[in-house]
């Protein structure tokens, strides 16, 4: 089975499969659940983030689950394949929310440990570019996973896409380095093609305008930013 076929099958399962909540995930600021999704004998685990479990934030409107889906849509449009398949499910057990394929991973690994191995640097640079585009306000080290498939996955995008600068991330180690030309080309292509229409239902008009501006800026960005001593890190770091 090709990668495109696998991802298509995963999306179908998430979109129409029967959802059963199995357990609440620990250490999450919002209510986050491990769920199983079944369809015609096929099954996968998923992460379910219902709207009703969100804690209000002063700087983000409710509906963080939509940002989780928007991150997947943006990742697909760029062709990078680092965000697991994610959909909106209105008929899930606790009401509307996001449903994301659970990534089987080595959970002892995270950004800081992955950084020690040069073979992961290209993937981590790509995630750094993605966070510039998505204006990620919470890229913790534990949000970079080493999947059992050997791929680096990026998760937890509920506080992205604000219409004002909010970048908070642990990925500053590439500051001052050239942005890979291939990644700039991908961003330039997206700038030329325009944003996927799905984002119109997930982000506000001002957020979409800000996203387009970031895409235009990153398409010509020569080097990764290095904010120096004032680096805006998330907390906790992992």
C-alpha atoms as a PDB file:
ATOM      1  CA  UNK A   1       0.000   0.000   0.000  1.00  0.00           C
ATOM      2  CA  UNK A   2       1.346   3.420  -0.949  1.00  0.00           C
ATOM      3  CA  UNK A   3       1.658   6.265   1.544  1.00  0.00           C
ATOM      4  CA  UNK A   4      -1.184   8.140  -0.182  1.00  0.00           C
ATOM      5  CA  UNK A   5      -3.434   5.073   0.059  1.00  0.00           C
ATOM      6  CA  UNK A   6      -2.591   4.560   3.721  1.00  0.00           C
ATOM      7  CA  UNK A   7      -3.382   8.165   4.554  1.00  0.00           C
ATOM      8  CA  UNK A   8      -6.625   8.027   2.561  1.00  0.00           C
ATOM      9  CA  UNK A   9      -7.714   4.909   4.453  1.00  0.00           C
ATOM     10  CA  UNK A  10      -6.847   6.549   7.776  1.00  0.00           C
ATOM     11  CA  UNK A  11      -8.890   9.627   6.881  1.00  0.00           C
ATOM     12  CA  UNK A  12     -11.919   7.542   5.935  1.00  0.00           C
ATOM     13  CA  UNK A  13     -11.688   5.632   9.195  1.00  0.00           C
ATOM     14  CA  UNK A  14     -11.467   8.857  11.208  1.00  0.00           C
ATOM     15  CA  UNK A  15     -14.272  10.535   9.270  1.00  0.00           C
ATOM     16  CA  UNK A  16     -16.953   7.837   9.464  1.00  0.00           C
ATOM     17  CA  UNK A  17     -15.791   5.100  11.850  1.00  0.00           C
ATOM     18  CA  UNK A  18     -17.498   4.362  15.159  1.00  0.00           C
ATOM     19  CA  UNK A  19     -15.747   6.259  17.962  1.00  0.00           C
ATOM     20  CA  UNK A  20     -15.363   4.832  21.472  1.00  0.00           C
ATOM     21  CA  UNK A  21     -13.633   6.774  24.230  1.00  0.00           C
ATOM     22  CA  UNK A  22     -11.099   4.573  26.031  1.00  0.00           C
ATOM     23  CA  UNK A  23      -9.302   6.823  28.523  1.00  0.00           C
ATOM     24  CA  UNK A  24      -8.398  10.397  29.362  1.00  0.00           C
ATOM     25  CA  UNK A  25      -4.851  11.383  28.435  1.00  0.00           C
ATOM     26  CA  UNK A  26      -2.766  12.593  31.389  1.00  0.00           C
ATOM     27  CA  UNK A  27      -0.944  15.939  31.646  1.00  0.00           C
ATOM     28  CA  UNK A  28      -3.178  17.754  29.170  1.00  0.00           C
ATOM     29  CA  UNK A  29      -4.391  21.265  29.957  1.00  0.00           C
ATOM     30  CA  UNK A  30      -7.595  20.569  28.012  1.00  0.00           C
ATOM     31  CA  UNK A  31      -9.689  17.413  28.126  1.00  0.00           C
ATOM     32  CA  UNK A  32      -7.973  15.021  25.717  1.00  0.00           C
ATOM     33  CA  UNK A  33      -8.994  11.414  25.229  1.00  0.00           C
ATOM     34  CA  UNK A  34      -7.614   8.239  23.737  1.00  0.00           C
ATOM     35  CA  UNK A  35     -10.302   6.735  21.537  1.00  0.00           C
ATOM     36  CA  UNK A  36     -10.689   3.752  19.263  1.00  0.00           C
ATOM     37  CA  UNK A  37     -12.218   4.135  15.803  1.00  0.00           C
ATOM     38  CA  UNK A  38     -13.709   1.118  14.009  1.00  0.00           C
ATOM     39  CA  UNK A  39     -15.103   0.655  10.510  1.00  0.00           C
ATOM     40  CA  UNK A  40     -15.800  -2.585   8.626  1.00  0.00           C
ATOM     41  CA  UNK A  41     -13.332  -4.566  10.710  1.00  0.00           C
ATOM     42  CA  UNK A  42     -10.611  -1.918  10.534  1.00  0.00           C
ATOM     43  CA  UNK A  43      -9.570  -0.155  13.722  1.00  0.00           C
ATOM     44  CA  UNK A  44      -7.137   2.489  14.866  1.00  0.00           C
ATOM     45  CA  UNK A  45      -6.485   4.500  17.997  1.00  0.00           C
ATOM     46  CA  UNK A  46      -7.044   8.245  17.861  1.00  0.00           C
ATOM     47  CA  UNK A  47      -6.670  11.354  19.974  1.00  0.00           C
ATOM     48  CA  UNK A  48     -10.023  13.053  20.556  1.00  0.00           C
ATOM     49  CA  UNK A  49     -10.175  16.701  21.654  1.00  0.00           C
ATOM     50  CA  UNK A  50     -13.793  17.797  22.181  1.00  0.00           C
ATOM     51  CA  UNK A  51     -14.844  21.437  22.209  1.00  0.00           C
ATOM     52  CA  UNK A  52     -16.612  20.961  25.546  1.00  0.00           C
ATOM     53  CA  UNK A  53     -13.306  20.001  27.194  1.00  0.00           C
ATOM     54  CA  UNK A  54     -11.467  23.192  26.247  1.00  0.00           C
ATOM     55  CA  UNK A  55     -10.382  25.620  28.937  1.00  0.00           C
ATOM     56  CA  UNK A  56     -11.053  29.255  27.926  1.00  0.00           C
ATOM     57  CA  UNK A  57      -8.000  31.239  26.793  1.00  0.00           C
ATOM     58  CA  UNK A  58      -7.818  35.010  26.829  1.00  0.00           C
ATOM     59  CA  UNK A  59      -5.882  35.185  23.553  1.00  0.00           C
ATOM     60  CA  UNK A  60      -7.559  32.416  21.518  1.00  0.00           C
ATOM     61  CA  UNK A  61     -11.234  32.014  20.742  1.00  0.00           C
ATOM     62  CA  UNK A  62     -12.972  28.751  21.590  1.00  0.00           C
ATOM     63  CA  UNK A  63     -12.774  25.974  19.053  1.00  0.00           C
ATOM     64  CA  UNK A  64      -9.124  25.031  19.395  1.00  0.00           C
ATOM     65  CA  UNK A  65      -9.999  21.711  17.785  1.00  0.00           C
ATOM     66  CA  UNK A  66     -10.447  23.554  14.483  1.00  0.00           C
ATOM     67  CA  UNK A  67      -6.824  24.677  14.652  1.00  0.00           C
ATOM     68  CA  UNK A  68      -5.727  21.066  15.073  1.00  0.00           C
ATOM     69  CA  UNK A  69      -7.471  20.252  11.800  1.00  0.00           C
ATOM     70  CA  UNK A  70      -6.175  23.398  10.113  1.00  0.00           C
ATOM     71  CA  UNK A  71      -2.612  22.337  10.906  1.00  0.00           C
ATOM     72  CA  UNK A  72      -3.193  19.027   9.133  1.00  0.00           C
ATOM     73  CA  UNK A  73      -4.755  20.771   6.124  1.00  0.00           C
ATOM     74  CA  UNK A  74      -1.767  23.140   5.892  1.00  0.00           C
ATOM     75  CA  UNK A  75       0.704  20.257   6.201  1.00  0.00           C
ATOM     76  CA  UNK A  76      -1.019  18.384   3.374  1.00  0.00           C
ATOM     77  CA  UNK A  77      -1.028  21.494   1.178  1.00  0.00           C
ATOM     78  CA  UNK A  78       2.714  21.844   1.698  1.00  0.00           C
ATOM     79  CA  UNK A  79       3.299  18.138   1.025  1.00  0.00           C
ATOM     80  CA  UNK A  80       5.435  17.629   4.122  1.00  0.00           C
ATOM     81  CA  UNK A  81       3.621  14.802   5.889  1.00  0.00           C
ATOM     82  CA  UNK A  82       4.536  15.569   9.490  1.00  0.00           C
ATOM     83  CA  UNK A  83       1.058  16.104  10.979  1.00  0.00           C
ATOM     84  CA  UNK A  84      -1.018  12.940  11.524  1.00  0.00           C
ATOM     85  CA  UNK A  85      -4.390  12.694   9.791  1.00  0.00           C
ATOM     86  CA  UNK A  86      -6.877  14.910  11.631  1.00  0.00           C
ATOM     87  CA  UNK A  87     -10.583  15.556  11.067  1.00  0.00           C
ATOM     88  CA  UNK A  88     -13.553  17.301  12.643  1.00  0.00           C
ATOM     89  CA  UNK A  89     -16.116  14.883  14.098  1.00  0.00           C
ATOM     90  CA  UNK A  90     -19.452  16.398  15.088  1.00  0.00           C
ATOM     91  CA  UNK A  91     -20.929  13.056  16.168  1.00  0.00           C
ATOM     92  CA  UNK A  92     -18.184  11.941  18.560  1.00  0.00           C
ATOM     93  CA  UNK A  93     -19.258  10.752  22.038  1.00  0.00           C
ATOM     94  CA  UNK A  94     -18.582  14.038  23.848  1.00  0.00           C
ATOM     95  CA  UNK A  95     -19.652  16.291  21.018  1.00  0.00           C
ATOM     96  CA  UNK A  96     -17.863  18.075  18.229  1.00  0.00           C
ATOM     97  CA  UNK A  97     -14.083  18.047  18.308  1.00  0.00           C
ATOM     98  CA  UNK A  98     -10.955  16.952  16.490  1.00  0.00           C
ATOM     99  CA  UNK A  99      -9.988  13.338  15.922  1.00  0.00           C
ATOM    100  CA  UNK A 100      -6.361  12.637  15.075  1.00  0.00           C
ATOM    101  CA  UNK A 101      -4.718   9.317  14.282  1.00  0.00           C
ATOM    102  CA  UNK A 102      -2.722   8.191  17.304  1.00  0.00           C
ATOM    103  CA  UNK A 103       0.969   7.908  16.504  1.00  0.00           C
ATOM    104  CA  UNK A 104       2.643   4.796  17.867  1.00  0.00           C
ATOM    105  CA  UNK A 105       5.969   6.235  18.967  1.00  0.00           C
ATOM    106  CA  UNK A 106       8.958   5.904  21.264  1.00  0.00           C
ATOM    107  CA  UNK A 107       7.763   8.342  23.905  1.00  0.00           C
ATOM    108  CA  UNK A 108      11.197   8.517  25.501  1.00  0.00           C
ATOM    109  CA  UNK A 109      12.220  10.499  22.420  1.00  0.00           C
ATOM    110  CA  UNK A 110      11.376  14.179  21.908  1.00  0.00           C
ATOM    111  CA  UNK A 111      12.870  17.229  20.215  1.00  0.00           C
ATOM    112  CA  UNK A 112      15.868  17.560  22.527  1.00  0.00           C
ATOM    113  CA  UNK A 113      16.835  13.890  22.168  1.00  0.00           C
ATOM    114  CA  UNK A 114      16.107  13.811  18.434  1.00  0.00           C
ATOM    115  CA  UNK A 115      18.334  16.853  17.962  1.00  0.00           C
ATOM    116  CA  UNK A 116      21.310  14.754  19.079  1.00  0.00           C
ATOM    117  CA  UNK A 117      21.046  12.728  15.851  1.00  0.00           C
ATOM    118  CA  UNK A 118      21.889  14.541  12.641  1.00  0.00           C
ATOM    119  CA  UNK A 119      19.727  12.220  10.539  1.00  0.00           C
ATOM    120  CA  UNK A 120      16.659  13.870  12.099  1.00  0.00           C
ATOM    121  CA  UNK A 121      17.721  17.444  11.439  1.00  0.00           C
ATOM    122  CA  UNK A 122      16.043  17.811   8.055  1.00  0.00           C
ATOM    123  CA  UNK A 123      12.690  16.788   9.519  1.00  0.00           C
ATOM    124  CA  UNK A 124      13.160  19.097  12.501  1.00  0.00           C
ATOM    125  CA  UNK A 125      14.054  21.996  10.207  1.00  0.00           C
ATOM    126  CA  UNK A 126      10.869  21.337   8.243  1.00  0.00           C
ATOM    127  CA  UNK A 127       8.813  21.414  11.447  1.00  0.00           C
ATOM    128  CA  UNK A 128      10.539  24.683  12.377  1.00  0.00           C
ATOM    129  CA  UNK A 129       9.432  26.186   9.046  1.00  0.00           C
ATOM    130  CA  UNK A 130       5.919  24.838   9.596  1.00  0.00           C
ATOM    131  CA  UNK A 131       5.759  26.540  12.986  1.00  0.00           C
ATOM    132  CA  UNK A 132       6.748  29.869  11.430  1.00  0.00           C
ATOM    133  CA  UNK A 133       3.853  29.503   9.006  1.00  0.00           C
ATOM    134  CA  UNK A 134       1.336  28.289  11.582  1.00  0.00           C
ATOM    135  CA  UNK A 135       2.502  30.834  14.183  1.00  0.00           C
ATOM    136  CA  UNK A 136       2.740  28.018  16.710  1.00  0.00           C
ATOM    137  CA  UNK A 137       2.410  29.378  20.234  1.00  0.00           C
ATOM    138  CA  UNK A 138       3.253  26.102  21.972  1.00  0.00           C
ATOM    139  CA  UNK A 139       5.871  23.895  20.287  1.00  0.00           C
ATOM    140  CA  UNK A 140       7.065  21.859  23.257  1.00  0.00           C
ATOM    141  CA  UNK A 141       9.810  19.261  22.897  1.00  0.00           C
ATOM    142  CA  UNK A 142       7.302  16.458  23.473  1.00  0.00           C
ATOM    143  CA  UNK A 143       5.263  17.597  20.493  1.00  0.00           C
ATOM    144  CA  UNK A 144       7.879  16.059  18.171  1.00  0.00           C
ATOM    145  CA  UNK A 145       7.483  12.276  18.102  1.00  0.00           C
ATOM    146  CA  UNK A 146       9.681   9.541  16.682  1.00  0.00           C
ATOM    147  CA  UNK A 147       7.123   7.148  15.264  1.00  0.00           C
ATOM    148  CA  UNK A 148       7.593   3.412  15.142  1.00  0.00           C
ATOM    149  CA  UNK A 149       7.655   3.949  11.373  1.00  0.00           C
ATOM    150  CA  UNK A 150      10.873   5.955  11.790  1.00  0.00           C
ATOM    151  CA  UNK A 151       9.220   9.244  10.844  1.00  0.00           C
ATOM    152  CA  UNK A 152       9.168  12.428  12.879  1.00  0.00           C
ATOM    153  CA  UNK A 153       5.602  13.517  13.611  1.00  0.00           C
ATOM    154  CA  UNK A 154       4.409  16.900  14.849  1.00  0.00           C
ATOM    155  CA  UNK A 155       1.365  17.032  17.142  1.00  0.00           C
ATOM    156  CA  UNK A 156      -0.610  19.437  19.358  1.00  0.00           C
ATOM    157  CA  UNK A 157      -1.494  22.457  17.227  1.00  0.00           C
ATOM    158  CA  UNK A 158      -4.453  23.821  19.168  1.00  0.00           C
ATOM    159  CA  UNK A 159      -2.847  27.214  19.771  1.00  0.00           C
ATOM    160  CA  UNK A 160      -1.672  28.047  16.273  1.00  0.00           C
ATOM    161  CA  UNK A 161      -2.788  30.511  13.588  1.00  0.00           C
ATOM    162  CA  UNK A 162      -3.280  33.605  15.731  1.00  0.00           C
ATOM    163  CA  UNK A 163      -3.482  36.801  13.684  1.00  0.00           C
ATOM    164  CA  UNK A 164      -0.747  38.447  15.762  1.00  0.00           C
ATOM    165  CA  UNK A 165       2.809  37.141  16.395  1.00  0.00           C
ATOM    166  CA  UNK A 166       2.813  34.467  19.104  1.00  0.00           C
ATOM    167  CA  UNK A 167       5.625  32.075  18.174  1.00  0.00           C
ATOM    168  CA  UNK A 168       6.763  30.094  21.225  1.00  0.00           C
ATOM    169  CA  UNK A 169       8.915  27.093  20.487  1.00  0.00           C
ATOM    170  CA  UNK A 170      11.851  25.001  21.662  1.00  0.00           C
ATOM    171  CA  UNK A 171      13.184  24.802  18.083  1.00  0.00           C
ATOM    172  CA  UNK A 172      15.738  27.620  18.055  1.00  0.00           C
ATOM    173  CA  UNK A 173      18.839  25.525  17.378  1.00  0.00           C
ATOM    174  CA  UNK A 174      18.755  26.270  13.653  1.00  0.00           C
ATOM    175  CA  UNK A 175      18.648  30.032  14.178  1.00  0.00           C
ATOM    176  CA  UNK A 176      20.849  31.815  11.656  1.00  0.00           C
ATOM    177  CA  UNK A 177      21.121  28.770   9.390  1.00  0.00           C
ATOM    178  CA  UNK A 178      19.829  28.903   5.796  1.00  0.00           C
ATOM    179  CA  UNK A 179      16.230  27.810   5.352  1.00  0.00           C
ATOM    180  CA  UNK A 180      16.345  24.743   3.046  1.00  0.00           C
ATOM    181  CA  UNK A 181      15.656  25.845  -0.521  1.00  0.00           C
ATOM    182  CA  UNK A 182      13.255  22.944  -1.075  1.00  0.00           C
ATOM    183  CA  UNK A 183      11.096  24.089   1.835  1.00  0.00           C
ATOM    184  CA  UNK A 184      11.053  27.668   0.542  1.00  0.00           C
ATOM    185  CA  UNK A 185      10.006  26.331  -2.855  1.00  0.00           C
ATOM    186  CA  UNK A 186       7.131  24.421  -1.250  1.00  0.00           C
ATOM    187  CA  UNK A 187       5.972  27.571   0.523  1.00  0.00           C
ATOM    188  CA  UNK A 188       6.299  29.635  -2.668  1.00  0.00           C
ATOM    189  CA  UNK A 189       4.173  27.073  -4.507  1.00  0.00           C
ATOM    190  CA  UNK A 190       1.485  27.353  -1.848  1.00  0.00           C
ATOM    191  CA  UNK A 191       1.619  31.145  -2.097  1.00  0.00           C
ATOM    192  CA  UNK A 192       1.049  30.849  -5.842  1.00  0.00           C
ATOM    193  CA  UNK A 193      -1.702  28.213  -5.637  1.00  0.00           C
ATOM    194  CA  UNK A 194      -3.578  29.793  -2.744  1.00  0.00           C
ATOM    195  CA  UNK A 195      -4.775  28.284   0.506  1.00  0.00           C
ATOM    196  CA  UNK A 196      -6.995  25.181   0.561  1.00  0.00           C
ATOM    197  CA  UNK A 197     -10.677  26.069   0.725  1.00  0.00           C
ATOM    198  CA  UNK A 198     -11.089  23.840   3.798  1.00  0.00           C
ATOM    199  CA  UNK A 199      -9.309  26.486   5.858  1.00  0.00           C
ATOM    200  CA  UNK A 200     -12.194  28.910   5.293  1.00  0.00           C
ATOM    201  CA  UNK A 201     -14.304  26.795   7.682  1.00  0.00           C
ATOM    202  CA  UNK A 202     -11.541  26.416  10.254  1.00  0.00           C
ATOM    203  CA  UNK A 203      -9.950  29.857  10.652  1.00  0.00           C
ATOM    204  CA  UNK A 204     -11.283  33.412  10.849  1.00  0.00           C
ATOM    205  CA  UNK A 205     -10.855  35.930   8.052  1.00  0.00           C
ATOM    206  CA  UNK A 206      -8.169  37.818   9.979  1.00  0.00           C
ATOM    207  CA  UNK A 207      -6.315  34.577  10.741  1.00  0.00           C
ATOM    208  CA  UNK A 208      -6.372  33.612   7.064  1.00  0.00           C
ATOM    209  CA  UNK A 209      -5.046  37.037   6.076  1.00  0.00           C
ATOM    210  CA  UNK A 210      -2.226  36.731   8.606  1.00  0.00           C
ATOM    211  CA  UNK A 211      -1.424  33.212   7.394  1.00  0.00           C
ATOM    212  CA  UNK A 212      -1.128  34.442   3.794  1.00  0.00           C
ATOM    213  CA  UNK A 213       1.260  37.175   4.945  1.00  0.00           C
ATOM    214  CA  UNK A 214       3.418  34.652   6.784  1.00  0.00           C
ATOM    215  CA  UNK A 215       3.463  32.389   3.732  1.00  0.00           C
ATOM    216  CA  UNK A 216       4.638  35.277   1.546  1.00  0.00           C
ATOM    217  CA  UNK A 217       7.347  36.165   4.071  1.00  0.00           C
ATOM    218  CA  UNK A 218       8.633  32.619   4.588  1.00  0.00           C
ATOM    219  CA  UNK A 219       8.726  31.956   0.828  1.00  0.00           C
ATOM    220  CA  UNK A 220      11.654  34.388   0.620  1.00  0.00           C
ATOM    221  CA  UNK A 221      13.131  33.869   4.103  1.00  0.00           C
ATOM    222  CA  UNK A 222      16.866  33.300   3.711  1.00  0.00           C
ATOM    223  CA  UNK A 223      17.678  32.158   7.245  1.00  0.00           C
ATOM    224  CA  UNK A 224      15.908  30.828  10.303  1.00  0.00           C
ATOM    225  CA  UNK A 225      15.217  33.586  12.837  1.00  0.00           C
ATOM    226  CA  UNK A 226      17.403  33.798  15.905  1.00  0.00           C
ATOM    227  CA  UNK A 227      15.827  36.028  18.541  1.00  0.00           C
ATOM    228  CA  UNK A 228      18.878  35.833  20.800  1.00  0.00           C
ATOM    229  CA  UNK A 229      18.549  35.919  24.577  1.00  0.00           C
ATOM    230  CA  UNK A 230      14.858  36.766  24.419  1.00  0.00           C
ATOM    231  CA  UNK A 231      13.884  33.427  22.923  1.00  0.00           C
ATOM    232  CA  UNK A 232      10.179  32.840  23.568  1.00  0.00           C
ATOM    233  CA  UNK A 233      10.052  29.300  24.922  1.00  0.00           C
ATOM    234  CA  UNK A 234       6.856  27.465  25.891  1.00  0.00           C
ATOM    235  CA  UNK A 235       6.401  26.078  29.395  1.00  0.00           C
ATOM    236  CA  UNK A 236       6.969  23.380  30.319  1.00  0.00           C
ATOM    237  CA  UNK A 237       9.688  22.770  27.752  1.00  0.00           C
ATOM    238  CA  UNK A 238       8.846  19.083  27.284  1.00  0.00           C
END
